[in-house]
Amino acid sequence: MFNVSEDNIWHSSNNNLDNYPDMVAMDKHLGIELLEIGDDFVTTKMPVSDRTKQPFNILHGGASCVLAETTGSIAANLVLDNSKFYAVGLEINANHITSVSNGSVYAKATALHIGKSTSVWNIDITDENNKRICFCRFTAMNKEGERE
């Protein structure tokens, strides 16, 4: 699951990635799974099911946004010293370019900007054939203190 070399972008306080928290609340409800943490990316997976479809039997755009924000939030928190800071979503933009009605979708977050107060992430969502179905930009705000 974790394929990280010493040249990764993650904060050194997150060196034991096996202890990264399990999915909770909405992420768990939608079946989102953390698949891989690489040197400079995070990937997740979500099933296209009754929980994630709209009435027209295709993946709901809101579910794609949840997947993107979950993936971006994991990445945004991994670049921080979590004993002092945590990241929360500030803005998300999504372009849904094609539909999918079954199988699973995969999100990959890569950094566009990592700053002191914010980070910006590109998240591509693809289907099982690696066809892009959605691309997102996610901005996280870094907050000082322990997670609420």
Protein backbone atom coordinates (compact mmCIF):
# COMPACT_ATOMS: atom_id res chain seq x y z
CA MET A 1 0.00 0.00 0.00
CA PHE A 2 2.78 2.41 0.89
CA ASN A 3 5.52 2.80 -1.68
CA VAL A 4 7.61 5.66 -0.33
CA SER A 5 11.33 6.32 -0.78
CA GLU A 6 13.43 8.70 1.29
CA ASP A 7 12.87 11.38 -1.40
CA ASN A 8 9.16 11.78 -0.64
CA ILE A 9 7.29 15.06 -0.02
CA TRP A 10 5.64 13.92 3.23
CA HIS A 11 6.53 15.42 6.63
CA SER A 12 8.96 13.32 8.66
CA SER A 13 6.44 13.01 11.52
CA ASN A 14 4.36 10.82 9.17
CA ASN A 15 7.11 8.25 8.63
CA ASN A 16 5.03 5.35 9.97
CA LEU A 17 2.30 5.38 7.33
CA ASP A 18 0.88 2.07 8.59
CA ASN A 19 -0.60 4.07 11.45
CA TYR A 20 -2.49 6.42 9.12
CA PRO A 21 -6.11 6.51 10.31
CA ASP A 22 -8.79 4.37 8.71
CA MET A 23 -11.57 6.00 6.74
CA VAL A 24 -14.39 7.43 8.85
CA ALA A 25 -17.92 8.78 8.47
CA MET A 26 -18.80 9.66 4.86
CA ASP A 27 -15.66 8.09 3.40
CA LYS A 28 -16.47 4.77 5.03
CA HIS A 29 -20.17 5.05 4.09
CA LEU A 30 -19.25 5.45 0.41
CA GLY A 31 -16.71 2.61 0.53
CA ILE A 32 -13.62 4.75 -0.13
CA GLU A 33 -10.35 2.87 0.34
CA LEU A 34 -6.83 4.22 0.62
CA LEU A 35 -4.80 2.30 -1.98
CA GLU A 36 -1.36 3.82 -2.16
CA ILE A 37 0.84 6.54 -0.78
CA GLY A 38 3.78 7.18 -3.10
CA ASP A 39 6.63 9.68 -2.89
CA ASP A 40 4.46 12.55 -4.14
CA PHE A 41 0.94 11.18 -4.59
CA VAL A 42 -1.98 9.49 -2.84
CA THR A 43 -4.43 7.13 -4.57
CA THR A 44 -7.86 5.97 -3.40
CA LYS A 45 -10.69 3.83 -4.76
CA MET A 46 -14.47 4.10 -4.54
CA PRO A 47 -17.11 1.67 -5.82
CA VAL A 48 -19.77 2.86 -8.23
CA SER A 49 -22.80 1.50 -6.37
CA ASP A 50 -26.25 2.45 -5.15
CA ARG A 51 -24.59 4.64 -2.52
CA THR A 52 -22.64 6.66 -5.10
CA LYS A 53 -25.04 6.82 -8.07
CA GLN A 54 -27.57 9.47 -9.04
CA PRO A 55 -31.13 8.57 -10.20
CA PHE A 56 -29.92 8.17 -13.82
CA ASN A 57 -27.82 5.15 -12.74
CA ILE A 58 -24.47 6.91 -13.21
CA LEU A 59 -21.87 8.09 -10.70
CA HIS A 60 -23.11 11.16 -8.82
CA GLY A 61 -20.88 14.22 -9.24
CA GLY A 62 -21.08 14.86 -5.51
CA ALA A 63 -19.64 11.41 -4.83
CA SER A 64 -16.74 12.25 -7.14
CA CYS A 65 -16.17 15.42 -5.12
CA VAL A 66 -16.18 13.45 -1.86
CA LEU A 67 -13.62 11.05 -3.33
CA ALA A 68 -11.46 13.96 -4.53
CA GLU A 69 -11.66 15.85 -1.24
CA THR A 70 -10.89 12.71 0.76
CA THR A 71 -7.84 11.96 -1.37
CA GLY A 72 -6.64 15.56 -1.33
CA SER A 73 -7.19 15.84 2.42
CA ILE A 74 -5.10 12.76 3.12
CA ALA A 75 -2.28 14.18 1.00
CA ALA A 76 -2.61 17.66 2.52
CA ASN A 77 -2.30 16.23 6.02
CA LEU A 78 0.67 14.05 5.14
CA VAL A 79 2.81 17.08 4.25
CA LEU A 80 2.22 18.61 7.70
CA ASP A 81 3.65 17.94 11.14
CA ASN A 82 0.38 16.54 12.52
CA SER A 83 1.52 17.13 16.10
CA LYS A 84 1.23 20.87 15.36
CA PHE A 85 -1.02 21.32 12.30
CA TYR A 86 -3.88 19.75 10.41
CA ALA A 87 -5.40 20.50 7.01
CA VAL A 88 -9.06 21.10 6.20
CA GLY A 89 -10.81 21.63 2.88
CA LEU A 90 -11.12 25.23 1.75
CA GLU A 91 -12.23 24.92 -1.89
CA ILE A 92 -12.91 22.23 -4.47
CA ASN A 93 -13.56 22.52 -8.18
CA ALA A 94 -14.60 19.55 -10.30
CA ASN A 95 -15.06 19.00 -14.02
CA HIS A 96 -17.08 15.86 -14.77
CA ILE A 97 -16.13 14.94 -18.33
CA THR A 98 -17.72 11.53 -18.81
CA SER A 99 -19.98 9.16 -16.89
CA VAL A 100 -19.51 5.72 -15.40
CA SER A 101 -22.25 3.36 -14.25
CA ASN A 102 -20.46 0.38 -12.71
CA GLY A 103 -17.17 -0.89 -11.33
CA SER A 104 -14.91 1.39 -9.34
CA VAL A 105 -13.29 4.77 -9.77
CA TYR A 106 -9.80 5.77 -8.70
CA ALA A 107 -8.48 9.14 -7.53
CA LYS A 108 -4.87 10.28 -7.58
CA ALA A 109 -3.81 13.47 -5.78
CA THR A 110 -0.59 15.30 -6.66
CA ALA A 111 0.60 18.61 -5.26
CA LEU A 112 0.44 21.82 -7.26
CA HIS A 113 1.49 24.02 -4.32
CA ILE A 114 2.60 23.31 -0.75
CA GLY A 115 2.77 26.46 1.32
CA LYS A 116 2.79 27.55 4.93
CA SER A 117 -0.95 28.28 5.16
CA THR A 118 -2.44 26.34 2.21
CA SER A 119 -1.76 23.54 -0.21
CA VAL A 120 -3.33 23.00 -3.64
CA TRP A 121 -3.81 19.55 -5.14
CA ASN A 122 -4.70 18.20 -8.56
CA ILE A 123 -6.94 15.15 -8.34
CA ASP A 124 -7.63 13.01 -11.41
CA ILE A 125 -10.44 10.48 -11.18
CA THR A 126 -10.35 7.56 -13.61
CA ASP A 127 -12.41 4.47 -14.29
CA GLU A 128 -11.19 0.86 -14.28
CA ASN A 129 -9.79 1.33 -17.80
CA ASN A 130 -7.75 4.36 -16.68
CA LYS A 131 -10.05 6.69 -18.63
CA ARG A 132 -10.35 10.11 -16.98
CA ILE A 133 -13.91 10.78 -15.87
CA CYS A 134 -13.31 13.83 -13.69
CA PHE A 135 -10.53 16.21 -12.74
CA CYS A 136 -10.51 18.40 -9.67
CA ARG A 137 -8.52 21.09 -7.97
CA PHE A 138 -8.62 20.99 -4.18
CA THR A 139 -7.30 23.66 -1.80
CA ALA A 140 -6.62 22.84 1.84
CA MET A 141 -6.06 25.32 4.65
CA ASN A 142 -3.48 24.46 7.29
CA LYS A 143 -4.75 25.03 10.83
CA GLU A 144 -2.63 25.15 13.95
CA GLY A 145 -3.41 22.84 16.84
CA GLU A 146 -4.84 19.40 17.33
CA ARG A 147 -7.66 18.06 15.19
CA GLU A 148 -11.12 18.87 16.49
